[in-house]
C-alpha atoms as a PDB file:
ATOM      1  CA  MET A   1      20.218   5.447 -42.164  1.00  0.00           C
ATOM      2  CA  ASN A   2      22.153   2.790 -44.131  1.00  0.00           C
ATOM      3  CA  GLU A   3      23.939   3.208 -47.416  1.00  0.00           C
ATOM      4  CA  SER A   4      20.932   2.309 -49.609  1.00  0.00           C
ATOM      5  CA  ASP A   5      18.719   4.925 -47.828  1.00  0.00           C
ATOM      6  CA  LEU A   6      21.385   7.602 -48.604  1.00  0.00           C
ATOM      7  CA  ARG A   7      21.497   6.636 -52.219  1.00  0.00           C
ATOM      8  CA  ALA A   8      17.743   6.672 -52.405  1.00  0.00           C
ATOM      9  CA  GLY A   9      17.546  10.123 -50.996  1.00  0.00           C
ATOM     10  CA  GLY A  10      16.573   9.046 -47.548  1.00  0.00           C
ATOM     11  CA  LEU A  11      12.979   8.710 -48.278  1.00  0.00           C
ATOM     12  CA  GLY A  12      12.660   5.257 -49.798  1.00  0.00           C
ATOM     13  CA  ARG A  13      12.459   6.888 -53.275  1.00  0.00           C
ATOM     14  CA  PRO A  14      14.792   5.920 -55.993  1.00  0.00           C
ATOM     15  CA  PRO A  15      17.449   8.514 -56.602  1.00  0.00           C
ATOM     16  CA  GLU A  16      16.667  11.184 -59.234  1.00  0.00           C
ATOM     17  CA  ARG A  17      18.782  11.182 -62.376  1.00  0.00           C
ATOM     18  CA  ALA A  18      20.617  14.268 -63.723  1.00  0.00           C
ATOM     19  CA  VAL A  19      19.486  15.536 -66.946  1.00  0.00           C
ATOM     20  CA  GLY A  20      20.878  13.364 -69.732  1.00  0.00           C
ATOM     21  CA  GLU A  21      21.711  10.460 -67.442  1.00  0.00           C
ATOM     22  CA  HIS A  22      20.387   7.096 -68.970  1.00  0.00           C
ATOM     23  CA  ARG A  23      18.410   4.474 -67.177  1.00  0.00           C
ATOM     24  CA  ARG A  24      20.459   1.553 -65.902  1.00  0.00           C
ATOM     25  CA  ALA A  25      19.954  -1.758 -67.400  1.00  0.00           C
ATOM     26  CA  ALA A  26      18.815  -3.154 -63.945  1.00  0.00           C
ATOM     27  CA  GLU A  27      15.844  -0.809 -63.739  1.00  0.00           C
ATOM     28  CA  PRO A  28      12.894  -1.994 -65.646  1.00  0.00           C
ATOM     29  CA  ALA A  29      11.417   0.378 -68.303  1.00  0.00           C
ATOM     30  CA  SER A  30       7.888   1.404 -67.638  1.00  0.00           C
ATOM     31  CA  THR A  31       5.715  -0.206 -70.341  1.00  0.00           C
ATOM     32  CA  HIS A  32       2.549   1.746 -69.338  1.00  0.00           C
ATOM     33  CA  PRO A  33       2.136   5.379 -70.418  1.00  0.00           C
ATOM     34  CA  GLN A  34       1.805   7.942 -67.652  1.00  0.00           C
ATOM     35  CA  PRO A  35      -1.744   9.439 -67.800  1.00  0.00           C
ATOM     36  CA  GLU A  36      -0.616  12.748 -66.395  1.00  0.00           C
ATOM     37  CA  LEU A  37       1.653  13.400 -69.203  1.00  0.00           C
ATOM     38  CA  VAL A  38       0.470  14.531 -72.735  1.00  0.00           C
ATOM     39  CA  GLU A  39       2.376  12.612 -75.451  1.00  0.00           C
ATOM     40  CA  ARG A  40       2.515  15.624 -77.653  1.00  0.00           C
ATOM     41  CA  ALA A  41       1.227  19.089 -76.891  1.00  0.00           C
ATOM     42  CA  SER A  42      -0.638  20.877 -79.639  1.00  0.00           C
ATOM     43  CA  ARG A  43      -1.938  24.323 -79.965  1.00  0.00           C
ATOM     44  CA  ARG A  44      -5.652  24.857 -79.776  1.00  0.00           C
ATOM     45  CA  VAL A  45      -7.299  26.104 -83.077  1.00  0.00           C
ATOM     46  CA  PHE A  46     -10.327  28.251 -82.893  1.00  0.00           C
ATOM     47  CA  THR A  47     -12.563  28.578 -86.058  1.00  0.00           C
ATOM     48  CA  ALA A  48     -13.825  32.056 -87.062  1.00  0.00           C
ATOM     49  CA  GLU A  49     -17.401  31.118 -86.236  1.00  0.00           C
ATOM     50  CA  TYR A  50     -16.335  30.092 -82.683  1.00  0.00           C
ATOM     51  CA  LYS A  51     -14.429  33.368 -82.212  1.00  0.00           C
ATOM     52  CA  LEU A  52     -17.352  35.356 -83.399  1.00  0.00           C
ATOM     53  CA  GLY A  53     -19.749  33.373 -81.199  1.00  0.00           C
ATOM     54  CA  VAL A  54     -17.585  33.954 -78.113  1.00  0.00           C
ATOM     55  CA  LEU A  55     -17.233  37.706 -78.946  1.00  0.00           C
ATOM     56  CA  ALA A  56     -20.974  38.022 -79.263  1.00  0.00           C
ATOM     57  CA  ALA A  57     -21.624  36.104 -76.013  1.00  0.00           C
ATOM     58  CA  ALA A  58     -18.982  38.506 -74.277  1.00  0.00           C
ATOM     59  CA  ASP A  59     -20.603  41.602 -75.755  1.00  0.00           C
ATOM     60  CA  ALA A  60     -23.944  40.349 -74.419  1.00  0.00           C
ATOM     61  CA  CYS A  61     -22.537  40.167 -70.847  1.00  0.00           C
ATOM     62  CA  ARG A  62     -24.178  43.045 -68.664  1.00  0.00           C
ATOM     63  CA  GLN A  63     -23.377  42.065 -65.158  1.00  0.00           C
ATOM     64  CA  PRO A  64     -19.911  42.208 -63.484  1.00  0.00           C
ATOM     65  CA  GLY A  65     -18.202  38.824 -63.564  1.00  0.00           C
ATOM     66  CA  GLU A  66     -20.268  37.473 -66.588  1.00  0.00           C
ATOM     67  CA  ILE A  67     -17.250  37.785 -68.909  1.00  0.00           C
ATOM     68  CA  GLY A  68     -15.044  35.970 -66.332  1.00  0.00           C
ATOM     69  CA  ALA A  69     -17.416  33.170 -65.956  1.00  0.00           C
ATOM     70  CA  LEU A  70     -17.706  32.874 -69.733  1.00  0.00           C
ATOM     71  CA  LEU A  71     -14.016  32.768 -70.113  1.00  0.00           C
ATOM     72  CA  ARG A  72     -13.627  30.130 -67.310  1.00  0.00           C
ATOM     73  CA  ARG A  73     -16.323  28.085 -68.991  1.00  0.00           C
ATOM     74  CA  GLU A  74     -14.697  28.190 -72.401  1.00  0.00           C
ATOM     75  CA  GLY A  75     -11.202  27.799 -71.031  1.00  0.00           C
ATOM     76  CA  LEU A  76     -10.024  31.121 -72.457  1.00  0.00           C
ATOM     77  CA  TYR A  77      -7.936  34.010 -71.397  1.00  0.00           C
ATOM     78  CA  SER A  78      -8.894  37.754 -71.519  1.00  0.00           C
ATOM     79  CA  SER A  79      -6.070  38.162 -74.053  1.00  0.00           C
ATOM     80  CA  HIS A  80      -7.976  35.942 -76.445  1.00  0.00           C
ATOM     81  CA  LEU A  81     -10.925  38.364 -76.387  1.00  0.00           C
ATOM     82  CA  CYS A  82      -8.690  41.438 -76.925  1.00  0.00           C
ATOM     83  CA  ALA A  83      -7.007  39.744 -79.952  1.00  0.00           C
ATOM     84  CA  TRP A  84     -10.148  38.598 -81.380  1.00  0.00           C
ATOM     85  CA  ARG A  85     -11.853  41.918 -81.079  1.00  0.00           C
ATOM     86  CA  ALA A  86      -8.916  43.455 -82.847  1.00  0.00           C
ATOM     87  CA  GLN A  87      -9.080  40.757 -85.647  1.00  0.00           C
ATOM     88  CA  ARG A  88     -12.947  41.456 -85.937  1.00  0.00           C
ATOM     89  CA  ASP A  89     -12.409  45.177 -86.128  1.00  0.00           C
ATOM     90  CA  ALA A  90      -9.801  44.666 -88.790  1.00  0.00           C
ATOM     91  CA  GLY A  91     -11.904  42.419 -90.663  1.00  0.00           C
ATOM     92  CA  ALA A  92      -9.493  39.570 -90.373  1.00  0.00           C
ATOM     93  CA  LEU A  93     -12.205  37.087 -89.040  1.00  0.00           C
ATOM     94  CA  ALA A  94     -14.068  37.292 -92.425  1.00  0.00           C
ATOM     95  CA  ALA A  95     -10.852  36.276 -94.152  1.00  0.00           C
ATOM     96  CA  LEU A  96     -10.311  33.478 -91.630  1.00  0.00           C
ATOM     97  CA  ALA A  97     -13.693  31.979 -92.223  1.00  0.00           C
ATOM     98  CA  ARG A  98     -12.237  30.726 -95.649  1.00  0.00           C
ATOM     99  CA  ALA A  99     -10.941  27.112 -95.482  1.00  0.00           C
ATOM    100  CA  ARG A 100      -7.233  26.909 -95.510  1.00  0.00           C
ATOM    101  CA  GLY A 101      -5.221  24.635 -97.948  1.00  0.00           C
ATOM    102  CA  ARG A 102      -5.982  23.633-101.451  1.00  0.00           C
ATOM    103  CA  ARG A 103      -9.195  24.955-102.961  1.00  0.00           C
ATOM    104  CA  PRO A 104     -11.830  22.291-103.972  1.00  0.00           C
ATOM    105  CA  PRO A 105     -11.738  21.340-107.595  1.00  0.00           C
ATOM    106  CA  ASP A 106     -14.350  23.178-109.786  1.00  0.00           C
ATOM    107  CA  PRO A 107     -17.259  20.772-110.672  1.00  0.00           C
ATOM    108  CA  ARG A 108     -16.966  22.289-114.256  1.00  0.00           C
ATOM    109  CA  ASP A 109     -13.467  20.915-114.604  1.00  0.00           C
ATOM    110  CA  ALA A 110     -14.719  17.466-113.745  1.00  0.00           C
ATOM    111  CA  ARG A 111     -17.596  17.735-116.255  1.00  0.00           C
ATOM    112  CA  ILE A 112     -15.035  18.959-118.852  1.00  0.00           C
ATOM    113  CA  SER A 113     -12.832  16.042-118.428  1.00  0.00           C
ATOM    114  CA  GLU A 114     -15.749  13.587-118.521  1.00  0.00           C
ATOM    115  CA  LEU A 115     -16.905  15.045-121.793  1.00  0.00           C
ATOM    116  CA  GLN A 116     -13.433  15.019-123.175  1.00  0.00           C
ATOM    117  CA  SER A 117     -13.042  11.225-122.343  1.00  0.00           C
ATOM    118  CA  ARG A 118     -16.456  10.540-123.897  1.00  0.00           C
ATOM    119  CA  ALA A 119     -15.370  12.439-126.993  1.00  0.00           C
ATOM    120  CA  ILE A 120     -12.222  10.501-127.284  1.00  0.00           C
ATOM    121  CA  ARG A 121     -14.088   7.311-126.811  1.00  0.00           C
ATOM    122  CA  ALA A 122     -16.702   8.245-129.498  1.00  0.00           C
ATOM    123  CA  GLU A 123     -13.945   9.189-131.914  1.00  0.00           C
ATOM    124  CA  THR A 124     -12.119   5.886-131.528  1.00  0.00           C
ATOM    125  CA  GLN A 125     -15.550   3.931-132.023  1.00  0.00           C
ATOM    126  CA  LEU A 126     -16.234   6.123-135.129  1.00  0.00           C
ATOM    127  CA  ALA A 127     -12.754   5.245-136.573  1.00  0.00           C
ATOM    128  CA  LYS A 128     -13.477   1.434-135.908  1.00  0.00           C
ATOM    129  CA  ALA A 129     -16.849   1.787-137.536  1.00  0.00           C
ATOM    130  CA  GLN A 130     -15.261   3.486-140.653  1.00  0.00           C
ATOM    131  CA  ARG A 131     -12.607   0.888-140.975  1.00  0.00           C
ATOM    132  CA  ILE A 132     -15.350  -1.897-140.673  1.00  0.00           C
ATOM    133  CA  VAL A 133     -17.505  -0.201-143.329  1.00  0.00           C
ATOM    134  CA  GLU A 134     -14.360   0.167-145.666  1.00  0.00           C
ATOM    135  CA  VAL A 135     -13.457  -3.503-145.111  1.00  0.00           C
ATOM    136  CA  GLN A 136     -17.128  -4.527-145.886  1.00  0.00           C
ATOM    137  CA  GLY A 137     -17.055  -2.470-149.169  1.00  0.00           C
ATOM    138  CA  ASN A 138     -13.728  -4.190-150.134  1.00  0.00           C
ATOM    139  CA  VAL A 139     -15.228  -7.703-149.453  1.00  0.00           C
ATOM    140  CA  CYS A 140     -18.396  -6.756-151.380  1.00  0.00           C
ATOM    141  CA  ALA A 141     -16.411  -5.625-154.322  1.00  0.00           C
ATOM    142  CA  LEU A 142     -14.173  -8.734-154.173  1.00  0.00           C
ATOM    143  CA  LEU A 143     -17.148 -11.042-154.065  1.00  0.00           C
ATOM    144  CA  GLY A 144     -18.898  -9.222-156.746  1.00  0.00           C
ATOM    145  CA  GLU A 145     -15.956  -9.795-159.072  1.00  0.00           C
ATOM    146  CA  LEU A 146     -15.639 -13.481-158.129  1.00  0.00           C
ATOM    147  CA  LEU A 147     -19.262 -14.303-158.530  1.00  0.00           C
ATOM    148  CA  GLU A 148     -19.792 -12.371-161.723  1.00  0.00           C
ATOM    149  CA  PRO A 149     -20.078 -14.736-164.838  1.00  0.00           C
ATOM    150  CA  ARG A 150     -17.155 -13.553-166.927  1.00  0.00           C
ATOM    151  CA  GLY A 151     -17.110 -16.376-169.505  1.00  0.00           C
ATOM    152  CA  ALA A 152     -20.479 -15.818-170.924  1.00  0.00           C
ATOM    153  CA  SER A 153     -20.031 -12.016-171.526  1.00  0.00           C
ATOM    154  CA  GLU A 154     -16.529 -11.996-172.964  1.00  0.00           C
ATOM    155  CA  THR A 155     -16.584 -14.780-175.344  1.00  0.00           C
ATOM    156  CA  THR A 156     -19.036 -14.835-178.076  1.00  0.00           C
ATOM    157  CA  THR A 157     -18.988 -17.272-180.940  1.00  0.00           C
ATOM    158  CA  PRO A 158     -20.293 -16.361-184.317  1.00  0.00           C
END
């Protein structure tokens, strides 16, 4: 074995780095993601309907080994069944069926806001119409005074 084999661990593999040791600049960085690794692990989330369905299927099992086959098929553990049965018995699954997060807006609120905006728009149009009628009345009065024959009615000669 030569010196490079000793550094490589003797099997032609690159030497393993200690935790926290950085890659040397001479080693090229892998640009392709490794398919075996999950980028970010996440917990599985089961809906209340799914839990109740699995519990109903488990309760329907009569032959030995059917529950195990169900668990393997669904990718579950027996502890899931135990916890879900306890939740079902405590009535927690009924509460879990509600959607999490912000409640959807009430359709009546949308209708109220629409009617309020329509009322504001109608009030502004009414105010404009009242101003127009007022201006038209003033114009009519002014034109009436200007077009009225004053000279004949005021001056009478004996």
